[in-house]
C-alpha atoms as a PDB file:
ATOM      1  CA  UNK A   1     174.696 -91.059 155.081  1.00  0.00           C
ATOM      2  CA  UNK A   2     174.337 -87.355 156.495  1.00  0.00           C
ATOM      3  CA  UNK A   3     170.910 -86.024 156.995  1.00  0.00           C
ATOM      4  CA  UNK A   4     170.457 -82.171 157.151  1.00  0.00           C
ATOM      5  CA  UNK A   5     167.527 -81.721 159.547  1.00  0.00           C
ATOM      6  CA  UNK A   6     167.523 -78.141 158.840  1.00  0.00           C
ATOM      7  CA  UNK A   7     166.770 -78.770 155.308  1.00  0.00           C
ATOM      8  CA  UNK A   8     164.221 -81.343 156.369  1.00  0.00           C
ATOM      9  CA  UNK A   9     162.265 -78.718 158.470  1.00  0.00           C
ATOM     10  CA  UNK A  10     161.947 -76.551 155.266  1.00  0.00           C
ATOM     11  CA  UNK A  11     160.053 -79.161 153.345  1.00  0.00           C
ATOM     12  CA  UNK A  12     156.293 -78.170 154.395  1.00  0.00           C
ATOM     13  CA  UNK A  13     157.364 -74.744 153.604  1.00  0.00           C
ATOM     14  CA  UNK A  14     158.666 -75.499 150.219  1.00  0.00           C
ATOM     15  CA  UNK A  15     155.823 -77.707 149.459  1.00  0.00           C
ATOM     16  CA  UNK A  16     153.296 -74.587 150.455  1.00  0.00           C
ATOM     17  CA  UNK A  17     155.106 -72.380 147.929  1.00  0.00           C
ATOM     18  CA  UNK A  18     155.051 -75.001 145.199  1.00  0.00           C
ATOM     19  CA  UNK A  19     151.242 -75.225 146.024  1.00  0.00           C
ATOM     20  CA  UNK A  20     150.900 -71.628 145.648  1.00  0.00           C
ATOM     21  CA  UNK A  21     152.915 -71.401 142.472  1.00  0.00           C
ATOM     22  CA  UNK A  22     150.672 -74.298 140.826  1.00  0.00           C
ATOM     23  CA  UNK A  23     147.453 -72.317 141.879  1.00  0.00           C
ATOM     24  CA  UNK A  24     148.967 -69.160 140.312  1.00  0.00           C
ATOM     25  CA  UNK A  25     149.669 -70.994 137.094  1.00  0.00           C
ATOM     26  CA  UNK A  26     146.336 -72.627 136.969  1.00  0.00           C
ATOM     27  CA  UNK A  27     144.474 -69.233 137.371  1.00  0.00           C
ATOM     28  CA  UNK A  28     146.166 -67.558 134.707  1.00  0.00           C
ATOM     29  CA  UNK A  29     144.458 -66.561 131.785  1.00  0.00           C
ATOM     30  CA  UNK A  30     146.220 -67.037 128.488  1.00  0.00           C
ATOM     31  CA  UNK A  31     146.406 -64.209 126.359  1.00  0.00           C
ATOM     32  CA  UNK A  32     144.918 -64.192 122.976  1.00  0.00           C
ATOM     33  CA  UNK A  33     146.084 -61.051 121.420  1.00  0.00           C
ATOM     34  CA  UNK A  34     149.928 -60.235 121.403  1.00  0.00           C
ATOM     35  CA  UNK A  35     151.853 -56.971 120.646  1.00  0.00           C
ATOM     36  CA  UNK A  36     154.470 -57.081 118.091  1.00  0.00           C
ATOM     37  CA  UNK A  37     157.159 -57.492 120.601  1.00  0.00           C
ATOM     38  CA  UNK A  38     155.280 -60.233 122.241  1.00  0.00           C
ATOM     39  CA  UNK A  39     154.738 -61.999 118.885  1.00  0.00           C
ATOM     40  CA  UNK A  40     158.751 -61.658 118.189  1.00  0.00           C
ATOM     41  CA  UNK A  41     159.308 -63.399 121.462  1.00  0.00           C
ATOM     42  CA  UNK A  42     156.566 -66.037 121.003  1.00  0.00           C
ATOM     43  CA  UNK A  43     157.663 -67.040 117.532  1.00  0.00           C
ATOM     44  CA  UNK A  44     161.402 -66.479 118.041  1.00  0.00           C
ATOM     45  CA  UNK A  45     161.803 -63.881 115.633  1.00  0.00           C
ATOM     46  CA  UNK A  46     163.106 -60.174 115.686  1.00  0.00           C
ATOM     47  CA  UNK A  47     160.636 -57.437 116.018  1.00  0.00           C
ATOM     48  CA  UNK A  48     161.983 -56.050 112.462  1.00  0.00           C
ATOM     49  CA  UNK A  49     161.415 -59.557 111.141  1.00  0.00           C
ATOM     50  CA  UNK A  50     157.467 -59.339 112.351  1.00  0.00           C
ATOM     51  CA  UNK A  51     157.490 -55.949 110.726  1.00  0.00           C
ATOM     52  CA  UNK A  52     159.006 -57.368 107.533  1.00  0.00           C
ATOM     53  CA  UNK A  53     156.289 -60.060 107.402  1.00  0.00           C
ATOM     54  CA  UNK A  54     153.620 -57.359 107.792  1.00  0.00           C
ATOM     55  CA  UNK A  55     155.085 -55.166 105.168  1.00  0.00           C
ATOM     56  CA  UNK A  56     155.538 -58.203 102.640  1.00  0.00           C
ATOM     57  CA  UNK A  57     151.831 -59.441 103.375  1.00  0.00           C
ATOM     58  CA  UNK A  58     153.173 -62.747 104.921  1.00  0.00           C
ATOM     59  CA  UNK A  59     151.085 -61.760 108.062  1.00  0.00           C
ATOM     60  CA  UNK A  60     147.784 -60.292 106.728  1.00  0.00           C
ATOM     61  CA  UNK A  61     145.875 -57.671 108.418  1.00  0.00           C
ATOM     62  CA  UNK A  62     142.415 -58.844 109.555  1.00  0.00           C
ATOM     63  CA  UNK A  63     143.867 -62.428 109.411  1.00  0.00           C
ATOM     64  CA  UNK A  64     147.079 -62.493 111.466  1.00  0.00           C
ATOM     65  CA  UNK A  65     146.687 -59.268 113.090  1.00  0.00           C
ATOM     66  CA  UNK A  66     144.385 -56.198 113.633  1.00  0.00           C
ATOM     67  CA  UNK A  67     145.361 -52.564 113.637  1.00  0.00           C
ATOM     68  CA  UNK A  68     144.092 -49.470 115.441  1.00  0.00           C
ATOM     69  CA  UNK A  69     146.178 -46.384 114.956  1.00  0.00           C
ATOM     70  CA  UNK A  70     149.737 -47.426 116.051  1.00  0.00           C
ATOM     71  CA  UNK A  71     148.806 -50.489 117.864  1.00  0.00           C
ATOM     72  CA  UNK A  72     148.920 -53.712 116.061  1.00  0.00           C
ATOM     73  CA  UNK A  73     147.781 -56.820 117.911  1.00  0.00           C
ATOM     74  CA  UNK A  74     148.439 -60.426 116.612  1.00  0.00           C
ATOM     75  CA  UNK A  75     145.896 -63.154 117.032  1.00  0.00           C
ATOM     76  CA  UNK A  76     147.814 -65.860 118.929  1.00  0.00           C
ATOM     77  CA  UNK A  77     145.666 -68.697 117.641  1.00  0.00           C
ATOM     78  CA  UNK A  78     146.207 -67.903 113.997  1.00  0.00           C
ATOM     79  CA  UNK A  79     150.071 -67.555 114.608  1.00  0.00           C
ATOM     80  CA  UNK A  80     149.948 -71.064 115.827  1.00  0.00           C
ATOM     81  CA  UNK A  81     148.203 -72.166 112.833  1.00  0.00           C
ATOM     82  CA  UNK A  82     150.586 -70.202 110.741  1.00  0.00           C
ATOM     83  CA  UNK A  83     153.580 -71.978 112.472  1.00  0.00           C
ATOM     84  CA  UNK A  84     152.420 -75.511 111.448  1.00  0.00           C
ATOM     85  CA  UNK A  85     151.547 -74.429 107.973  1.00  0.00           C
ATOM     86  CA  UNK A  86     147.694 -74.043 107.959  1.00  0.00           C
ATOM     87  CA  UNK A  87     146.860 -71.026 105.766  1.00  0.00           C
ATOM     88  CA  UNK A  88     144.112 -69.177 107.042  1.00  0.00           C
ATOM     89  CA  UNK A  89     143.029 -67.801 103.602  1.00  0.00           C
ATOM     90  CA  UNK A  90     142.265 -71.378 102.681  1.00  0.00           C
ATOM     91  CA  UNK A  91     140.457 -72.016 105.685  1.00  0.00           C
ATOM     92  CA  UNK A  92     138.332 -69.007 105.046  1.00  0.00           C
ATOM     93  CA  UNK A  93     137.790 -69.893 101.398  1.00  0.00           C
ATOM     94  CA  UNK A  94     136.952 -73.418 102.370  1.00  0.00           C
ATOM     95  CA  UNK A  95     134.435 -72.203 104.927  1.00  0.00           C
ATOM     96  CA  UNK A  96     132.842 -69.758 102.359  1.00  0.00           C
ATOM     97  CA  UNK A  97     132.550 -72.326  99.637  1.00  0.00           C
ATOM     98  CA  UNK A  98     130.920 -74.821 102.196  1.00  0.00           C
ATOM     99  CA  UNK A  99     128.476 -72.061 103.082  1.00  0.00           C
ATOM    100  CA  UNK A 100     127.619 -71.228  99.551  1.00  0.00           C
ATOM    101  CA  UNK A 101     127.173 -75.023  98.748  1.00  0.00           C
ATOM    102  CA  UNK A 102     124.830 -75.412 101.600  1.00  0.00           C
ATOM    103  CA  UNK A 103     122.826 -72.279 100.467  1.00  0.00           C
ATOM    104  CA  UNK A 104     122.440 -73.662  97.161  1.00  0.00           C
ATOM    105  CA  UNK A 105     121.379 -77.277  98.201  1.00  0.00           C
ATOM    106  CA  UNK A 106     118.878 -75.531 100.771  1.00  0.00           C
ATOM    107  CA  UNK A 107     117.189 -73.963  97.996  1.00  0.00           C
ATOM    108  CA  UNK A 108     116.769 -77.026  96.052  1.00  0.00           C
ATOM    109  CA  UNK A 109     115.279 -78.713  99.032  1.00  0.00           C
ATOM    110  CA  UNK A 110     112.979 -76.137  99.925  1.00  0.00           C
END
């Protein structure tokens, strides 16, 4: 077995670089808001497909994205739910129903 001693001498330097890389990764803040281009990359769609989903109301303003002037930003957490099939409109409706029921029952108890 041949041992390359030059390579062995590089191990501490490689280890230090790996530690720095890990520190950098651990200190990164994950983005919540994505541009249309970033959304396309994140979901694996083309930018045109994302625009089409916006125009067809598959992605809803105020739910999946927010737009100011020409800047459209998508909420990554809502997109994640969309991918696994959780309909945010149903989630919001259920939340409103629960709040209404609580309000009505609180009136009877008071």
